[in-house]
Amino acid sequence: MFEQVKLDYAFDALEPHIDTMTMETHYGKHHATYTKNFNDAVEKAGLGEKSVEEILSSLSSVGDEALRNALQNNGGGFYNHNLYFSVMSPKKGTKPNPALAEAINRDFGSLEKLIETLQNLALGQFGSGWAFLSVDKEGKLYATKAANQNNPFMEEGQHTPILGIDVWEHAYYLRYKNLRGDYLKNFFEVLDWEKVSENYEQCK
């Protein structure tokens, strides 16, 4: 059984940047539903012995279109939200570790330019979707966006996401209404670069 990531902060800990009601609804309802539906689809497909990464990177091997779509949508929703909730925290002033900082400077020029790139990708995503920072097996970083619950595991190259920004309206509409840009600015106030750095180290 796949399980939601366990939060190490309270639902109100990210206030005022991410409000309590959004956290309760987002984690307790949206993410919980993706997790349940993914588990149901995995059981139906007989893929219980595989990791979520293996499932998402080999969707083309599932012949039944409806089942493949269920695995893609709900598996992406499960994985993406686990990543999203795990890289936020109430800590202030976190920074990338030296290894990640070096990679960011190499591939984007500076941390400020990376943040600007991710914000622009997230702001420019038409409709629901995500922006990601991902890494390949050589440690090169990529900033991308994806529609719906897709992620880099489903794309050519299959890079590993280490940071995900949710731009579905359920992630911000209760607090920010249609002001996605304001939400994105505040997301980076609660982004824990120490956790992103841990994700990066695990991919090296």
N, C-alpha and C. Protein backbone atom coordinates (compact mmCIF):
# COMPACT_ATOMS: atom_id res chain seq x y z
N MET A 1 0.84 -1.21 0.00
CA MET A 1 0.00 0.00 0.00
C MET A 1 0.87 1.26 0.00
N PHE A 2 0.59 2.15 -0.93
CA PHE A 2 1.27 3.43 -0.94
C PHE A 2 0.60 4.37 0.07
N GLU A 3 1.42 5.14 0.78
CA GLU A 3 0.90 6.01 1.83
C GLU A 3 1.31 7.47 1.60
N GLN A 4 0.44 8.37 2.04
CA GLN A 4 0.77 9.79 2.00
C GLN A 4 1.99 10.06 2.87
N VAL A 5 2.81 10.98 2.42
CA VAL A 5 3.94 11.40 3.24
C VAL A 5 3.41 11.94 4.57
N LYS A 6 4.09 11.59 5.66
CA LYS A 6 3.70 12.08 6.98
C LYS A 6 4.28 13.48 7.18
N LEU A 7 3.43 14.43 7.47
CA LEU A 7 3.88 15.80 7.66
C LEU A 7 4.61 15.94 8.99
N ASP A 8 5.72 16.65 8.98
CA ASP A 8 6.42 16.92 10.24
C ASP A 8 6.17 18.35 10.71
N TYR A 9 5.06 18.92 10.24
CA TYR A 9 4.61 20.24 10.69
C TYR A 9 3.09 20.23 10.75
N ALA A 10 2.52 21.11 11.56
CA ALA A 10 1.07 21.18 11.71
C ALA A 10 0.44 21.89 10.52
N PHE A 11 -0.86 21.69 10.33
CA PHE A 11 -1.55 22.31 9.21
C PHE A 11 -1.46 23.84 9.25
N ASP A 12 -1.34 24.41 10.44
CA ASP A 12 -1.28 25.87 10.54
C ASP A 12 0.14 26.41 10.58
N ALA A 13 1.12 25.53 10.43
CA ALA A 13 2.52 25.95 10.62
C ALA A 13 3.05 26.82 9.49
N LEU A 14 2.40 26.79 8.33
CA LEU A 14 2.89 27.55 7.18
C LEU A 14 2.18 28.89 7.03
N GLU A 15 1.30 29.22 7.96
CA GLU A 15 0.62 30.52 7.95
C GLU A 15 1.66 31.63 8.03
N PRO A 16 1.43 32.78 7.41
CA PRO A 16 0.27 33.14 6.58
C PRO A 16 0.44 32.78 5.10
N HIS A 17 1.56 32.14 4.78
CA HIS A 17 1.89 31.90 3.37
C HIS A 17 0.98 30.84 2.75
N ILE A 18 0.79 29.74 3.46
CA ILE A 18 -0.16 28.70 3.07
C ILE A 18 -1.14 28.56 4.23
N ASP A 19 -2.42 28.83 3.99
CA ASP A 19 -3.37 28.90 5.10
C ASP A 19 -3.80 27.52 5.57
N THR A 20 -4.31 27.48 6.79
CA THR A 20 -4.68 26.23 7.44
C THR A 20 -5.77 25.48 6.69
N MET A 21 -6.80 26.16 6.25
CA MET A 21 -7.90 25.47 5.57
C MET A 21 -7.43 24.85 4.25
N THR A 22 -6.57 25.56 3.54
CA THR A 22 -6.03 24.98 2.31
C THR A 22 -5.23 23.72 2.62
N MET A 23 -4.40 23.76 3.65
CA MET A 23 -3.61 22.58 4.02
C MET A 23 -4.52 21.42 4.40
N GLU A 24 -5.53 21.69 5.20
CA GLU A 24 -6.45 20.62 5.63
C GLU A 24 -7.16 19.99 4.44
N THR A 25 -7.61 20.84 3.53
CA THR A 25 -8.35 20.34 2.37
C THR A 25 -7.42 19.68 1.36
N HIS A 26 -6.30 20.30 1.12
CA HIS A 26 -5.36 19.81 0.11
C HIS A 26 -4.78 18.46 0.51
N TYR A 27 -4.28 18.38 1.73
CA TYR A 27 -3.65 17.15 2.21
C TYR A 27 -4.70 16.11 2.61
N GLY A 28 -5.70 16.56 3.35
CA GLY A 28 -6.66 15.62 3.93
C GLY A 28 -7.69 15.10 2.96
N LYS A 29 -7.96 15.83 1.88
CA LYS A 29 -8.98 15.39 0.92
C LYS A 29 -8.38 15.09 -0.46
N HIS A 30 -7.78 16.10 -1.09
CA HIS A 30 -7.26 15.90 -2.45
C HIS A 30 -6.16 14.82 -2.47
N HIS A 31 -5.14 15.02 -1.65
CA HIS A 31 -4.03 14.06 -1.65
C HIS A 31 -4.49 12.68 -1.19
N ALA A 32 -5.35 12.65 -0.20
CA ALA A 32 -5.86 11.36 0.30
C ALA A 32 -6.63 10.61 -0.79
N THR A 33 -7.38 11.34 -1.58
CA THR A 33 -8.16 10.71 -2.66
C THR A 33 -7.24 10.17 -3.75
N TYR A 34 -6.23 10.94 -4.14
CA TYR A 34 -5.27 10.45 -5.13
C TYR A 34 -4.60 9.16 -4.62
N THR A 35 -4.26 9.15 -3.34
CA THR A 35 -3.58 7.99 -2.77
C THR A 35 -4.47 6.76 -2.80
N LYS A 36 -5.71 6.92 -2.38
CA LYS A 36 -6.65 5.79 -2.39
C LYS A 36 -6.87 5.27 -3.81
N ASN A 37 -7.13 6.17 -4.74
CA ASN A 37 -7.40 5.77 -6.12
C ASN A 37 -6.18 5.14 -6.78
N PHE A 38 -5.00 5.62 -6.43
CA PHE A 38 -3.79 5.02 -6.96
C PHE A 38 -3.63 3.59 -6.45
N ASN A 39 -3.82 3.40 -5.17
CA ASN A 39 -3.72 2.06 -4.60
C ASN A 39 -4.72 1.11 -5.25
N ASP A 40 -5.92 1.60 -5.50
CA ASP A 40 -6.94 0.76 -6.15
C ASP A 40 -6.48 0.36 -7.56
N ALA A 41 -5.93 1.32 -8.30
CA ALA A 41 -5.48 1.05 -9.66
C ALA A 41 -4.27 0.12 -9.68
N VAL A 42 -3.36 0.31 -8.73
CA VAL A 42 -2.18 -0.56 -8.64
C VAL A 42 -2.59 -1.99 -8.37
N GLU A 43 -3.55 -2.16 -7.46
CA GLU A 43 -4.03 -3.51 -7.16
C GLU A 43 -4.69 -4.15 -8.37
N LYS A 44 -5.49 -3.37 -9.07
CA LYS A 44 -6.18 -3.89 -10.25
C LYS A 44 -5.18 -4.26 -11.34
N ALA A 45 -4.11 -3.49 -11.46
CA ALA A 45 -3.10 -3.75 -12.50
C ALA A 45 -2.09 -4.81 -12.10
N GLY A 46 -2.12 -5.24 -10.84
CA GLY A 46 -1.17 -6.23 -10.37
C GLY A 46 0.25 -5.72 -10.30
N LEU A 47 0.41 -4.45 -9.91
CA LEU A 47 1.72 -3.82 -9.88
C LEU A 47 2.20 -3.54 -8.46
N GLY A 48 1.65 -4.25 -7.50
CA GLY A 48 1.94 -3.96 -6.11
C GLY A 48 3.39 -4.13 -5.71
N GLU A 49 4.17 -4.89 -6.49
CA GLU A 49 5.57 -5.12 -6.13
C GLU A 49 6.48 -4.01 -6.66
N LYS A 50 5.93 -3.10 -7.46
CA LYS A 50 6.74 -2.03 -8.06
C LYS A 50 6.67 -0.75 -7.25
N SER A 51 7.71 0.07 -7.36
CA SER A 51 7.71 1.39 -6.73
C SER A 51 6.88 2.35 -7.56
N VAL A 52 6.48 3.46 -6.98
CA VAL A 52 5.72 4.45 -7.73
C VAL A 52 6.55 5.00 -8.89
N GLU A 53 7.86 5.14 -8.68
CA GLU A 53 8.73 5.63 -9.75
C GLU A 53 8.75 4.64 -10.92
N GLU A 54 8.81 3.36 -10.61
CA GLU A 54 8.82 2.34 -11.67
C GLU A 54 7.50 2.34 -12.43
N ILE A 55 6.41 2.50 -11.71
CA ILE A 55 5.10 2.51 -12.36
C ILE A 55 4.95 3.70 -13.29
N LEU A 56 5.32 4.88 -12.80
CA LEU A 56 5.14 6.09 -13.59
C LEU A 56 6.07 6.16 -14.80
N SER A 57 7.21 5.52 -14.70
CA SER A 57 8.17 5.57 -15.81
C SER A 57 7.94 4.45 -16.82
N SER A 58 6.95 3.60 -16.58
CA SER A 58 6.68 2.51 -17.53
C SER A 58 5.19 2.37 -17.80
N LEU A 59 4.50 3.49 -17.87
CA LEU A 59 3.05 3.47 -18.09
C LEU A 59 2.68 2.85 -19.43
N SER A 60 3.55 2.99 -20.41
CA SER A 60 3.24 2.46 -21.74
C SER A 60 3.11 0.94 -21.75
N SER A 61 3.59 0.29 -20.70
CA SER A 61 3.50 -1.17 -20.64
C SER A 61 2.13 -1.65 -20.18
N VAL A 62 1.29 -0.72 -19.73
CA VAL A 62 -0.07 -1.07 -19.29
C VAL A 62 -0.99 -0.98 -20.50
N GLY A 63 -1.51 -2.11 -20.94
CA GLY A 63 -2.29 -2.17 -22.17
C GLY A 63 -3.67 -1.58 -22.08
N ASP A 64 -4.31 -1.70 -20.93
CA ASP A 64 -5.67 -1.19 -20.74
C ASP A 64 -5.62 0.33 -20.61
N GLU A 65 -6.24 1.04 -21.56
CA GLU A 65 -6.14 2.51 -21.58
C GLU A 65 -6.73 3.15 -20.33
N ALA A 66 -7.90 2.68 -19.90
CA ALA A 66 -8.55 3.26 -18.73
C ALA A 66 -7.70 3.05 -17.48
N LEU A 67 -7.13 1.86 -17.36
CA LEU A 67 -6.28 1.57 -16.21
C LEU A 67 -4.98 2.37 -16.27
N ARG A 68 -4.44 2.50 -17.47
CA ARG A 68 -3.22 3.30 -17.65
C ARG A 68 -3.47 4.75 -17.26
N ASN A 69 -4.61 5.30 -17.67
CA ASN A 69 -4.95 6.68 -17.31
C ASN A 69 -5.14 6.83 -15.81
N ALA A 70 -5.75 5.83 -15.17
CA ALA A 70 -5.95 5.88 -13.72
C ALA A 70 -4.62 5.86 -12.99
N LEU A 71 -3.70 5.04 -13.47
CA LEU A 71 -2.36 4.99 -12.86
C LEU A 71 -1.62 6.30 -13.08
N GLN A 72 -1.73 6.87 -14.28
CA GLN A 72 -1.04 8.12 -14.58
C GLN A 72 -1.59 9.27 -13.75
N ASN A 73 -2.89 9.44 -13.75
CA ASN A 73 -3.49 10.59 -13.06
C ASN A 73 -3.36 10.49 -11.55
N ASN A 74 -3.70 9.32 -11.01
CA ASN A 74 -3.67 9.16 -9.56
C ASN A 74 -2.28 8.89 -9.03
N GLY A 75 -1.46 8.16 -9.81
CA GLY A 75 -0.08 7.95 -9.41
C GLY A 75 0.71 9.24 -9.44
N GLY A 76 0.46 10.05 -10.48
CA GLY A 76 1.10 11.36 -10.52
C GLY A 76 0.64 12.23 -9.38
N GLY A 77 -0.66 12.20 -9.10
CA GLY A 77 -1.18 12.99 -7.99
C GLY A 77 -0.61 12.56 -6.66
N PHE A 78 -0.47 11.26 -6.47
CA PHE A 78 0.12 10.74 -5.24
C PHE A 78 1.58 11.17 -5.11
N TYR A 79 2.37 10.92 -6.15
CA TYR A 79 3.80 11.22 -6.09
C TYR A 79 4.05 12.73 -5.99
N ASN A 80 3.38 13.50 -6.83
CA ASN A 80 3.62 14.94 -6.87
C ASN A 80 3.29 15.59 -5.53
N HIS A 81 2.18 15.17 -4.92
CA HIS A 81 1.80 15.77 -3.64
C HIS A 81 2.73 15.33 -2.51
N ASN A 82 3.19 14.09 -2.54
CA ASN A 82 4.18 13.68 -1.55
C ASN A 82 5.41 14.57 -1.61
N LEU A 83 5.85 14.86 -2.84
CA LEU A 83 7.01 15.73 -3.02
C LEU A 83 6.70 17.15 -2.54
N TYR A 84 5.58 17.68 -2.96
CA TYR A 84 5.18 19.05 -2.63
C TYR A 84 5.13 19.27 -1.12
N PHE A 85 4.41 18.41 -0.42
CA PHE A 85 4.26 18.60 1.02
C PHE A 85 5.56 18.37 1.77
N SER A 86 6.44 17.54 1.22
CA SER A 86 7.67 17.21 1.94
C SER A 86 8.74 18.27 1.81
N VAL A 87 8.65 19.16 0.82
CA VAL A 87 9.69 20.18 0.67
C VAL A 87 9.28 21.52 1.27
N MET A 88 8.15 21.56 1.94
CA MET A 88 7.76 22.78 2.65
C MET A 88 7.98 22.59 4.14
N SER A 89 8.25 23.69 4.83
CA SER A 89 8.37 23.65 6.28
C SER A 89 8.29 25.07 6.82
N PRO A 90 8.06 25.21 8.13
CA PRO A 90 8.02 26.56 8.71
C PRO A 90 9.40 27.15 8.99
N LYS A 91 10.47 26.43 8.66
CA LYS A 91 11.81 26.97 8.87
C LYS A 91 12.01 28.25 8.07
N LYS A 92 12.81 29.13 8.59
CA LYS A 92 13.08 30.39 7.91
C LYS A 92 14.52 30.41 7.39
N GLY A 93 14.70 30.97 6.22
CA GLY A 93 16.04 31.24 5.71
C GLY A 93 16.86 30.02 5.35
N THR A 94 16.23 28.92 4.95
CA THR A 94 17.01 27.75 4.55
C THR A 94 17.72 28.02 3.22
N LYS A 95 18.81 27.30 3.00
CA LYS A 95 19.59 27.48 1.78
C LYS A 95 19.99 26.12 1.21
N PRO A 96 20.22 26.06 -0.08
CA PRO A 96 20.73 24.81 -0.66
C PRO A 96 22.09 24.45 -0.05
N ASN A 97 22.35 23.15 0.10
CA ASN A 97 23.66 22.74 0.59
C ASN A 97 24.71 23.02 -0.49
N PRO A 98 26.00 22.90 -0.17
CA PRO A 98 27.03 23.27 -1.16
C PRO A 98 26.92 22.53 -2.48
N ALA A 99 26.59 21.24 -2.45
CA ALA A 99 26.52 20.47 -3.69
C ALA A 99 25.38 20.97 -4.58
N LEU A 100 24.21 21.19 -3.98
CA LEU A 100 23.08 21.69 -4.76
C LEU A 100 23.33 23.13 -5.21
N ALA A 101 23.91 23.94 -4.34
CA ALA A 101 24.20 25.33 -4.70
C ALA A 101 25.14 25.39 -5.90
N GLU A 102 26.14 24.51 -5.93
CA GLU A 102 27.07 24.47 -7.05
C GLU A 102 26.34 24.08 -8.34
N ALA A 103 25.45 23.09 -8.24
CA ALA A 103 24.70 22.66 -9.42
C ALA A 103 23.76 23.76 -9.92
N ILE A 104 23.13 24.47 -8.99
CA ILE A 104 22.23 25.56 -9.36
C ILE A 104 23.00 26.67 -10.08
N ASN A 105 24.14 27.04 -9.53
CA ASN A 105 24.95 28.09 -10.16
C ASN A 105 25.43 27.66 -11.54
N ARG A 106 25.79 26.39 -11.67
CA ARG A 106 26.27 25.87 -12.94
C ARG A 106 25.17 25.86 -14.01
N ASP A 107 23.98 25.41 -13.62
CA ASP A 107 22.92 25.17 -14.60
C ASP A 107 21.96 26.34 -14.78
N PHE A 108 21.91 27.26 -13.79
CA PHE A 108 20.97 28.39 -13.89
C PHE A 108 21.62 29.75 -13.67
N GLY A 109 22.85 29.77 -13.22
CA GLY A 109 23.53 31.04 -13.00
C GLY A 109 23.51 31.51 -11.57
N SER A 110 22.37 31.33 -10.90
CA SER A 110 22.25 31.73 -9.49
C SER A 110 20.95 31.16 -8.95
N LEU A 111 20.83 31.15 -7.63
CA LEU A 111 19.59 30.71 -6.99
C LEU A 111 18.44 31.63 -7.37
N GLU A 112 18.72 32.92 -7.44
CA GLU A 112 17.68 33.89 -7.80
C GLU A 112 17.14 33.63 -9.20
N LYS A 113 18.03 33.28 -10.13
CA LYS A 113 17.59 32.99 -11.50
C LYS A 113 16.79 31.70 -11.56
N LEU A 114 17.17 30.71 -10.75
CA LEU A 114 16.40 29.47 -10.70
C LEU A 114 14.99 29.74 -10.18
N ILE A 115 14.89 30.50 -9.10
CA ILE A 115 13.58 30.81 -8.54
C ILE A 115 12.73 31.55 -9.56
N GLU A 116 13.34 32.51 -10.25
CA GLU A 116 12.61 33.25 -11.28
C GLU A 116 12.13 32.31 -12.39
N THR A 117 12.98 31.39 -12.79
CA THR A 117 12.61 30.42 -13.83
C THR A 117 11.45 29.56 -13.39
N LEU A 118 11.51 29.04 -12.18
CA LEU A 118 10.43 28.19 -11.67
C LEU A 118 9.13 28.97 -11.52
N GLN A 119 9.21 30.19 -11.03
CA GLN A 119 8.01 31.01 -10.90
C GLN A 119 7.38 31.28 -12.26
N ASN A 120 8.20 31.58 -13.26
CA ASN A 120 7.68 31.85 -14.60
C ASN A 120 7.04 30.61 -15.22
N LEU A 121 7.66 29.45 -15.00
CA LEU A 121 7.09 28.21 -15.51
C LEU A 121 5.75 27.92 -14.85
N ALA A 122 5.70 28.09 -13.54
CA ALA A 122 4.47 27.83 -12.80
C ALA A 122 3.38 28.83 -13.17
N LEU A 123 3.76 30.08 -13.31
CA LEU A 123 2.79 31.12 -13.66
C LEU A 123 2.29 30.92 -15.09
N GLY A 124 3.15 30.40 -15.95
CA GLY A 124 2.79 30.23 -17.35
C GLY A 124 2.11 28.92 -17.66
N GLN A 125 1.96 28.04 -16.67
CA GLN A 125 1.26 26.78 -16.91
C GLN A 125 -0.22 27.07 -17.11
N PHE A 126 -0.73 26.81 -18.31
CA PHE A 126 -2.13 27.07 -18.60
C PHE A 126 -2.99 26.01 -17.91
N GLY A 127 -3.92 26.46 -17.10
CA GLY A 127 -4.78 25.52 -16.38
C GLY A 127 -4.01 24.85 -15.26
N SER A 128 -4.45 23.66 -14.90
CA SER A 128 -3.87 22.94 -13.78
C SER A 128 -2.55 22.30 -14.16
N GLY A 129 -1.65 22.19 -13.19
CA GLY A 129 -0.38 21.55 -13.46
C GLY A 129 0.66 21.82 -12.40
N TRP A 130 1.91 21.64 -12.79
CA TRP A 130 3.03 21.70 -11.86
C TRP A 130 4.24 22.34 -12.52
N ALA A 131 5.14 22.84 -11.67
CA ALA A 131 6.50 23.18 -12.09
C ALA A 131 7.45 22.33 -11.26
N PHE A 132 8.52 21.86 -11.89
CA PHE A 132 9.44 20.95 -11.22
C PHE A 132 10.89 21.39 -11.39
N LEU A 133 11.67 21.08 -10.37
CA LEU A 133 13.12 21.06 -10.48
C LEU A 133 13.51 19.60 -10.40
N SER A 134 14.21 19.11 -11.44
CA SER A 134 14.55 17.70 -11.51
C SER A 134 16.04 17.53 -11.78
N VAL A 135 16.52 16.31 -11.61
CA VAL A 135 17.93 16.01 -11.78
C VAL A 135 18.09 14.72 -12.57
N ASP A 136 19.12 14.66 -13.42
CA ASP A 136 19.40 13.42 -14.14
C ASP A 136 20.48 12.64 -13.40
N LYS A 137 20.89 11.53 -13.97
CA LYS A 137 21.83 10.64 -13.28
C LYS A 137 23.22 11.24 -13.16
N GLU A 138 23.51 12.24 -13.96
CA GLU A 138 24.81 12.92 -13.89
C GLU A 138 24.79 14.14 -12.97
N GLY A 139 23.62 14.44 -12.39
CA GLY A 139 23.52 15.57 -11.48
C GLY A 139 23.12 16.88 -12.13
N LYS A 140 22.80 16.86 -13.42
CA LYS A 140 22.36 18.08 -14.10
C LYS A 140 20.92 18.39 -13.72
N LEU A 141 20.65 19.67 -13.51
CA LEU A 141 19.32 20.11 -13.08
C LEU A 141 18.49 20.57 -14.27
N TYR A 142 17.17 20.37 -14.15
CA TYR A 142 16.23 20.78 -15.19
C TYR A 142 15.02 21.44 -14.53
N ALA A 143 14.58 22.55 -15.07
CA ALA A 143 13.34 23.21 -14.63
C ALA A 143 12.30 23.02 -15.73
N THR A 144 11.17 22.43 -15.39
CA THR A 144 10.14 22.12 -16.38
C THR A 144 8.77 22.36 -15.78
N LYS A 145 7.76 22.34 -16.64
CA LYS A 145 6.38 22.38 -16.19
C LYS A 145 5.64 21.21 -16.81
N ALA A 146 4.51 20.85 -16.21
CA ALA A 146 3.73 19.72 -16.70
C ALA A 146 2.26 19.97 -16.41
N ALA A 147 1.42 19.51 -17.31
CA ALA A 147 -0.02 19.67 -17.14
C ALA A 147 -0.58 18.58 -16.22
N ASN A 148 -1.73 18.89 -15.64
CA ASN A 148 -2.48 17.93 -14.83
C ASN A 148 -1.61 17.37 -13.71
N GLN A 149 -1.54 16.03 -13.58
CA GLN A 149 -0.69 15.43 -12.56
C GLN A 149 0.53 14.74 -13.19
N ASN A 150 0.90 15.16 -14.38
CA ASN A 150 2.09 14.60 -15.00
C ASN A 150 3.34 15.06 -14.27
N ASN A 151 4.43 14.36 -14.50
CA ASN A 151 5.71 14.74 -13.91
C ASN A 151 6.85 14.20 -14.76
N PRO A 152 8.10 14.58 -14.45
CA PRO A 152 9.22 14.19 -15.32
C PRO A 152 9.45 12.69 -15.47
N PHE A 153 8.92 11.86 -14.57
CA PHE A 153 9.05 10.42 -14.75
C PHE A 153 8.31 9.94 -15.99
N MET A 154 7.31 10.69 -16.41
CA MET A 154 6.49 10.29 -17.53
C MET A 154 7.02 10.83 -18.86
N GLU A 155 8.09 11.60 -18.81
CA GLU A 155 8.60 12.25 -20.00
C GLU A 155 9.88 11.58 -20.48
N GLU A 156 10.25 11.87 -21.70
CA GLU A 156 11.50 11.34 -22.25
C GLU A 156 12.67 11.84 -21.40
N GLY A 157 13.54 10.93 -21.03
CA GLY A 157 14.65 11.27 -20.15
C GLY A 157 14.38 10.86 -18.72
N GLN A 158 13.13 10.95 -18.32
CA GLN A 158 12.70 10.48 -17.01
C GLN A 158 13.62 10.96 -15.89
N HIS A 159 13.73 12.26 -15.76
CA HIS A 159 14.52 12.84 -14.69
C HIS A 159 13.76 12.73 -13.37
N THR A 160 14.49 12.79 -12.27
CA THR A 160 13.88 12.63 -10.95
C THR A 160 13.56 14.00 -10.36
N PRO A 161 12.30 14.27 -10.04
CA PRO A 161 11.94 15.55 -9.43
C PRO A 161 12.48 15.65 -8.00
N ILE A 162 13.03 16.80 -7.66
CA ILE A 162 13.47 17.04 -6.28
C ILE A 162 12.70 18.20 -5.64
N LEU A 163 11.92 18.90 -6.45
CA LEU A 163 11.09 20.01 -5.96
C LEU A 163 9.88 20.10 -6.88
N GLY A 164 8.69 20.18 -6.30
CA GLY A 164 7.48 20.31 -7.10
C GLY A 164 6.61 21.44 -6.58
N ILE A 165 6.09 22.25 -7.49
CA ILE A 165 5.22 23.37 -7.13
C ILE A 165 3.84 23.11 -7.73
N ASP A 166 2.87 22.95 -6.88
CA ASP A 166 1.49 22.66 -7.31
C ASP A 166 0.82 23.96 -7.74
N VAL A 167 0.33 24.00 -8.99
CA VAL A 167 -0.43 25.17 -9.43
C VAL A 167 -1.85 24.78 -9.86
N TRP A 168 -2.35 23.67 -9.31
CA TRP A 168 -3.78 23.44 -9.38
C TRP A 168 -4.45 24.48 -8.49
N GLU A 169 -5.65 24.90 -8.84
CA GLU A 169 -6.30 25.95 -8.05
C GLU A 169 -6.56 25.52 -6.61
N HIS A 170 -6.73 24.22 -6.39
CA HIS A 170 -7.00 23.79 -5.01
C HIS A 170 -5.81 24.05 -4.09
N ALA A 171 -4.63 24.31 -4.66
CA ALA A 171 -3.44 24.56 -3.85
C ALA A 171 -3.40 25.98 -3.30
N TYR A 172 -4.18 26.88 -3.90
CA TYR A 172 -4.03 28.28 -3.50
C TYR A 172 -5.31 29.11 -3.51
N TYR A 173 -6.40 28.62 -4.09
CA TYR A 173 -7.54 29.49 -4.36
C TYR A 173 -8.24 30.00 -3.10
N LEU A 174 -8.29 29.21 -2.05
CA LEU A 174 -8.95 29.66 -0.82
C LEU A 174 -8.27 30.90 -0.25
N ARG A 175 -6.97 30.97 -0.38
CA ARG A 175 -6.20 32.09 0.20
C ARG A 175 -5.95 33.19 -0.82
N TYR A 176 -5.62 32.82 -2.06
CA TYR A 176 -5.14 33.80 -3.03
C TYR A 176 -6.11 34.08 -4.18
N LYS A 177 -7.23 33.34 -4.22
CA LYS A 177 -8.19 33.48 -5.33
C LYS A 177 -7.46 33.27 -6.66
N ASN A 178 -7.57 34.24 -7.57
CA ASN A 178 -6.96 34.07 -8.89
C ASN A 178 -5.54 34.62 -8.98
N LEU A 179 -4.95 35.00 -7.84
CA LEU A 179 -3.63 35.63 -7.85
C LEU A 179 -2.54 34.57 -7.70
N ARG A 180 -2.37 33.78 -8.74
CA ARG A 180 -1.39 32.69 -8.70
C ARG A 180 0.01 33.22 -8.42
N GLY A 181 0.35 34.37 -8.97
CA GLY A 181 1.68 34.93 -8.77
C GLY A 181 1.97 35.21 -7.30
N ASP A 182 0.98 35.70 -6.56
CA ASP A 182 1.17 35.95 -5.13
C ASP A 182 1.42 34.65 -4.38
N TYR A 183 0.66 33.62 -4.73
CA TYR A 183 0.87 32.31 -4.13
C TYR A 183 2.28 31.81 -4.39
N LEU A 184 2.76 31.96 -5.62
CA LEU A 184 4.09 31.46 -5.97
C LEU A 184 5.18 32.18 -5.19
N LYS A 185 5.04 33.49 -5.02
CA LYS A 185 6.02 34.23 -4.23
C LYS A 185 6.05 33.72 -2.80
N ASN A 186 4.88 33.45 -2.25
CA ASN A 186 4.80 32.99 -0.86
C ASN A 186 5.21 31.53 -0.71
N PHE A 187 5.05 30.74 -1.76
CA PHE A 187 5.52 29.35 -1.70
C PHE A 187 7.01 29.31 -1.36
N PHE A 188 7.78 30.21 -1.97
CA PHE A 188 9.21 30.19 -1.73
C PHE A 188 9.58 30.68 -0.34
N GLU A 189 8.62 31.26 0.37
CA GLU A 189 8.85 31.62 1.77
C GLU A 189 8.80 30.40 2.69
N VAL A 190 8.15 29.34 2.24
CA VAL A 190 8.04 28.12 3.06
C VAL A 190 8.75 26.93 2.41
N LEU A 191 9.42 27.16 1.30
CA LEU A 191 10.20 26.10 0.68
C LEU A 191 11.44 25.84 1.52
N ASP A 192 11.65 24.58 1.87
CA ASP A 192 12.79 24.18 2.70
C ASP A 192 13.90 23.66 1.80
N TRP A 193 14.88 24.50 1.54
CA TRP A 193 15.96 24.12 0.64
C TRP A 193 16.81 23.00 1.23
N GLU A 194 16.78 22.82 2.54
CA GLU A 194 17.52 21.70 3.14
C GLU A 194 16.90 20.37 2.69
N LYS A 195 15.58 20.33 2.59
CA LYS A 195 14.92 19.11 2.15
C LYS A 195 15.13 18.89 0.65
N VAL A 196 15.12 19.97 -0.12
CA VAL A 196 15.42 19.85 -1.55
C VAL A 196 16.84 19.34 -1.73
N SER A 197 17.75 19.81 -0.90
CA SER A 197 19.14 19.35 -0.96
C SER A 197 19.25 17.87 -0.64
N GLU A 198 18.47 17.40 0.34
CA GLU A 198 18.46 15.98 0.67
C GLU A 198 17.98 15.17 -0.54
N ASN A 199 16.95 15.66 -1.21
CA ASN A 199 16.46 14.97 -2.40
C ASN A 199 17.54 14.91 -3.48
N TYR A 200 18.25 16.00 -3.64
CA TYR A 200 19.32 16.04 -4.63
C TYR A 200 20.41 15.03 -4.31
N GLU A 201 20.80 14.97 -3.05
CA GLU A 201 21.86 14.04 -2.64
C GLU A 201 21.46 12.59 -2.89
N GLN A 202 20.19 12.28 -2.71
CA GLN A 202 19.72 10.92 -2.90
C GLN A 202 19.75 10.49 -4.36
N CYS A 203 19.78 11.48 -5.26
CA CYS A 203 19.77 11.18 -6.71
C CYS A 203 21.18 11.09 -7.28
N LYS A 204 22.18 11.46 -6.52
CA LYS A 204 23.55 11.48 -7.05
C LYS A 204 24.14 10.08 -7.08
